[in-house]
Structure formats: structure tokens, C-alpha cells
Protein backbone atom coordinates (compact mmCIF):
# COMPACT_ATOMS: atom_id res chain seq x y z
CA MET A 1 -6.62 -12.22 -2.96
CA VAL A 2 -9.26 -9.62 -2.18
CA LEU A 3 -10.44 -8.55 1.23
CA GLU A 4 -13.54 -10.73 1.10
CA THR A 5 -11.43 -13.91 1.04
CA ILE A 6 -8.48 -12.82 3.13
CA GLN A 7 -6.63 -14.84 5.69
CA CYS A 8 -3.71 -12.66 6.66
CA ARG A 9 -0.22 -14.06 6.81
CA PHE A 10 0.59 -11.76 9.73
CA GLU A 11 -1.71 -13.86 11.95
CA SER A 12 0.34 -17.02 11.39
CA TYR A 13 3.60 -15.02 11.62
CA TYR A 14 2.35 -13.56 14.86
CA GLN A 15 1.64 -17.01 16.33
CA TYR A 16 4.75 -18.66 14.87
CA GLN A 17 7.12 -16.10 16.31
CA GLY A 18 5.69 -16.68 19.77
CA PHE A 19 5.54 -13.06 20.85
CA PHE A 20 2.59 -10.78 21.21
CA ILE A 21 4.08 -7.36 20.67
CA MET A 22 4.37 -6.64 17.00
CA LYS A 23 4.05 -3.26 15.39
CA LYS A 24 2.02 -3.55 12.19
CA ILE A 25 2.50 -0.90 9.53
CA PHE A 26 0.09 -0.28 6.66
CA THR A 27 0.36 1.69 3.45
CA ASN A 28 -1.64 1.53 0.26
CA GLY A 29 -1.87 2.67 -3.30
CA CYS A 30 -2.30 1.59 -6.89
CA PHE A 31 1.40 0.85 -7.46
CA ASP A 32 0.64 0.50 -11.15
CA ILE A 33 4.06 1.63 -12.36
CA LEU A 34 6.69 1.04 -9.68
CA HIS A 35 9.51 3.53 -9.28
CA VAL A 36 12.26 4.41 -6.81
CA GLY A 37 9.90 6.61 -4.78
CA HIS A 38 7.76 3.57 -4.01
CA ILE A 39 10.78 1.53 -2.92
CA ARG A 40 11.88 4.35 -0.61
CA LEU A 41 8.35 4.55 0.80
CA PHE A 42 8.37 0.81 1.58
CA GLU A 43 11.82 1.04 3.18
CA PHE A 44 10.68 3.99 5.33
CA ALA A 45 7.45 2.26 6.33
CA LYS A 46 9.20 -0.99 7.26
CA SER A 47 11.68 0.94 9.44
CA LEU A 48 8.73 2.01 11.63
CA GLY A 49 7.71 -1.47 12.74
CA ASP A 50 7.87 -5.24 12.44
CA TYR A 51 5.39 -6.17 9.74
CA LEU A 52 4.59 -4.11 6.65
CA ILE A 53 1.28 -4.72 4.92
CA VAL A 54 0.70 -3.05 1.56
CA GLY A 55 -2.87 -2.69 0.31
CA ILE A 56 -3.24 -2.33 -3.45
CA ASN A 57 -6.26 -1.17 -5.37
CA SER A 58 -7.89 -3.81 -7.53
CA ASP A 59 -8.00 -3.35 -11.29
CA ARG A 60 -11.69 -2.44 -10.98
CA SER A 61 -11.10 0.28 -8.40
CA ILE A 62 -8.19 1.75 -10.39
CA ARG A 63 -10.36 2.00 -13.51
CA ILE A 64 -12.91 3.94 -11.49
CA LEU A 65 -10.30 6.19 -9.82
CA LYS A 66 -7.86 6.77 -12.71
CA GLY A 67 -10.01 6.29 -15.80
CA LYS A 68 -9.67 4.57 -19.14
CA GLY A 69 -6.37 2.87 -19.87
CA ARG A 70 -5.54 2.13 -16.25
CA PRO A 71 -4.29 0.03 -14.70
CA ILE A 72 -1.38 -0.67 -16.96
CA ILE A 73 -0.32 -3.74 -14.98
CA TYR A 74 -2.94 -6.27 -13.81
CA GLN A 75 -3.53 -6.64 -10.06
CA GLU A 76 -2.11 -10.16 -9.76
CA TYR A 77 1.12 -9.06 -11.47
CA ARG A 78 1.35 -5.96 -9.30
CA LYS A 79 0.84 -8.12 -6.23
CA GLU A 80 3.55 -10.56 -7.29
CA ILE A 81 6.03 -7.76 -8.01
CA LEU A 82 5.38 -6.13 -4.63
CA GLU A 83 5.69 -9.44 -2.78
CA SER A 84 9.23 -9.75 -4.14
CA ILE A 85 10.34 -6.52 -2.43
CA LYS A 86 12.28 -7.30 0.75
CA HIS A 87 10.69 -4.56 2.85
CA ILE A 88 7.12 -5.85 2.29
CA ASP A 89 5.73 -8.70 4.38
CA GLU A 90 2.27 -8.95 2.86
CA VAL A 91 0.29 -7.56 -0.07
CA ILE A 92 -3.52 -7.47 -0.08
CA ILE A 93 -5.72 -6.46 -3.01
CA PHE A 94 -8.84 -4.50 -2.11
CA ASN A 95 -11.86 -3.78 -4.33
CA GLN A 96 -13.18 -0.74 -2.49
CA LEU A 97 -12.36 2.77 -3.69
CA ASN A 98 -10.52 3.43 -0.43
CA PRO A 99 -8.82 1.17 2.12
CA TYR A 100 -10.99 2.04 5.14
CA THR A 101 -12.56 -1.44 5.51
CA LEU A 102 -9.18 -3.13 5.09
CA ILE A 103 -7.51 -0.86 7.66
CA LYS A 104 -10.37 -1.53 10.09
CA TYR A 105 -9.95 -5.28 9.61
CA LEU A 106 -6.14 -5.30 9.90
CA GLU A 107 -5.89 -2.91 12.87
CA PRO A 108 -2.38 -1.63 12.07
CA ASP A 109 -0.50 0.50 14.57
CA ILE A 110 0.84 2.97 12.02
CA LEU A 111 -0.53 4.20 8.71
CA VAL A 112 2.03 5.56 6.25
CA LYS A 113 1.06 7.99 3.49
CA GLY A 114 2.94 10.25 1.12
CA GLU A 115 3.31 13.82 2.35
CA ASP A 116 0.90 14.98 -0.35
CA TRP A 117 -1.79 13.62 2.01
CA LYS A 118 -0.83 16.01 4.86
CA LYS A 119 -3.47 18.57 3.91
CA ARG A 120 -6.15 16.00 3.09
CA ASN A 121 -8.35 13.76 5.16
CA VAL A 122 -6.30 10.57 5.62
CA ILE A 123 -8.68 7.65 5.27
CA GLY A 124 -8.35 5.34 8.27
CA ALA A 125 -6.45 7.83 10.45
CA ASN A 126 -9.09 7.38 13.14
CA LEU A 127 -8.39 3.63 13.22
CA VAL A 128 -4.65 3.71 13.96
CA LYS A 129 -2.41 4.95 16.76
CA GLU A 130 -0.29 7.08 14.46
CA VAL A 131 -0.07 8.42 10.90
CA LYS A 132 3.38 9.01 9.42
CA PHE A 133 4.08 10.93 6.24
CA PHE A 134 6.80 10.02 3.76
CA PRO A 135 8.52 12.94 1.98
CA GLN A 136 7.58 13.29 -1.66
CA GLN A 137 10.38 12.26 -4.00
CA GLN A 138 11.02 15.04 -6.49
CA GLY A 139 10.62 14.21 -10.16
CA VAL A 140 9.38 10.68 -9.58
CA SER A 141 5.78 9.63 -10.20
CA SER A 142 3.88 6.96 -12.07
CA THR A 143 1.97 9.66 -13.95
CA ASN A 144 5.24 11.27 -15.13
CA ILE A 145 6.47 7.88 -16.34
CA VAL A 146 3.23 7.22 -18.25
CA ASN A 147 3.33 10.70 -19.81
CA LYS A 148 6.97 10.25 -20.84
CA ILE A 149 6.13 6.94 -22.53
CA LYS A 150 3.24 8.62 -24.34
CA GLY A 151 5.57 11.41 -25.45
CA LYS A 152 3.84 14.16 -23.47
């Protein structure tokens, strides 16, 4: 489901639970090749609030951002895999090159990014109450996995 056709599950969760104070957490990425660093990121993010929403880049946006040969795993499969992770409450595919529009629409309380974003302009930081950074996991990255498979 892409942003243009979204009806967020958190809205029905919000109403069903009958309370009006819920801390929404948002993180995003390609999540093309999942690894333990991603799982730790999701666990960290979920520990910060009540409802974790993960935005994933569409296949189209990954091709533009990462180049030929990416993504390796199609968006619907990536979405399904992420939805099976216990820390994640909702997964939304977005077509834009960055998640600004999605963050604006969702209005999360906290935005979680990897610490490699500390020295960069965090997209959507102006739309949330707080930005938290997750420590980079040494030796773990999707790019390293792809290079290892390719024999590089």
C-alpha cells in the first residue's frame, strides 16, 4: 500500500483501545536485505513508544536511490517480512525519494534514525517532537551482505 491509498491501522488501533495518549514512533529505510542491525533498530524504536510505524521505500524509489540491480527483494515481499516482526505495528510503502510527506501525514511523536544521520539533515525532524539515534551496529550492513554474495 502506498501513501496515496493509505488508511493507517494506527487510527483504528487508537480508537479501539479507547485511550487518546499514544506515542507513535516512526523509522524508515529500504530494508532490502534484513539483518540483525535492523531487528535491533526496530526493538530500540518500539521501546520508545506504543506504536511503531516503519516506512519503506518503494521499488521505484530504491532504483533511483541505489541504482541498477536494486532492490533485491520486491516491495510487497519486504512489507510482508517486516509485518511479521513483533516490534513493528505497521509498515507503509512510500514512492517518494524521502519520507517527508509520509511523516507529515502520520504526525509521529518520535523519529528514529541510525546514528550515521547525526551529522546530516534528518528529513522530517521539524515535524516531530523528538529525533532519536540508534547506534550503528559494527560489521552489519545490507551493502556488506550484497558485496559478500558477489564475492567482493
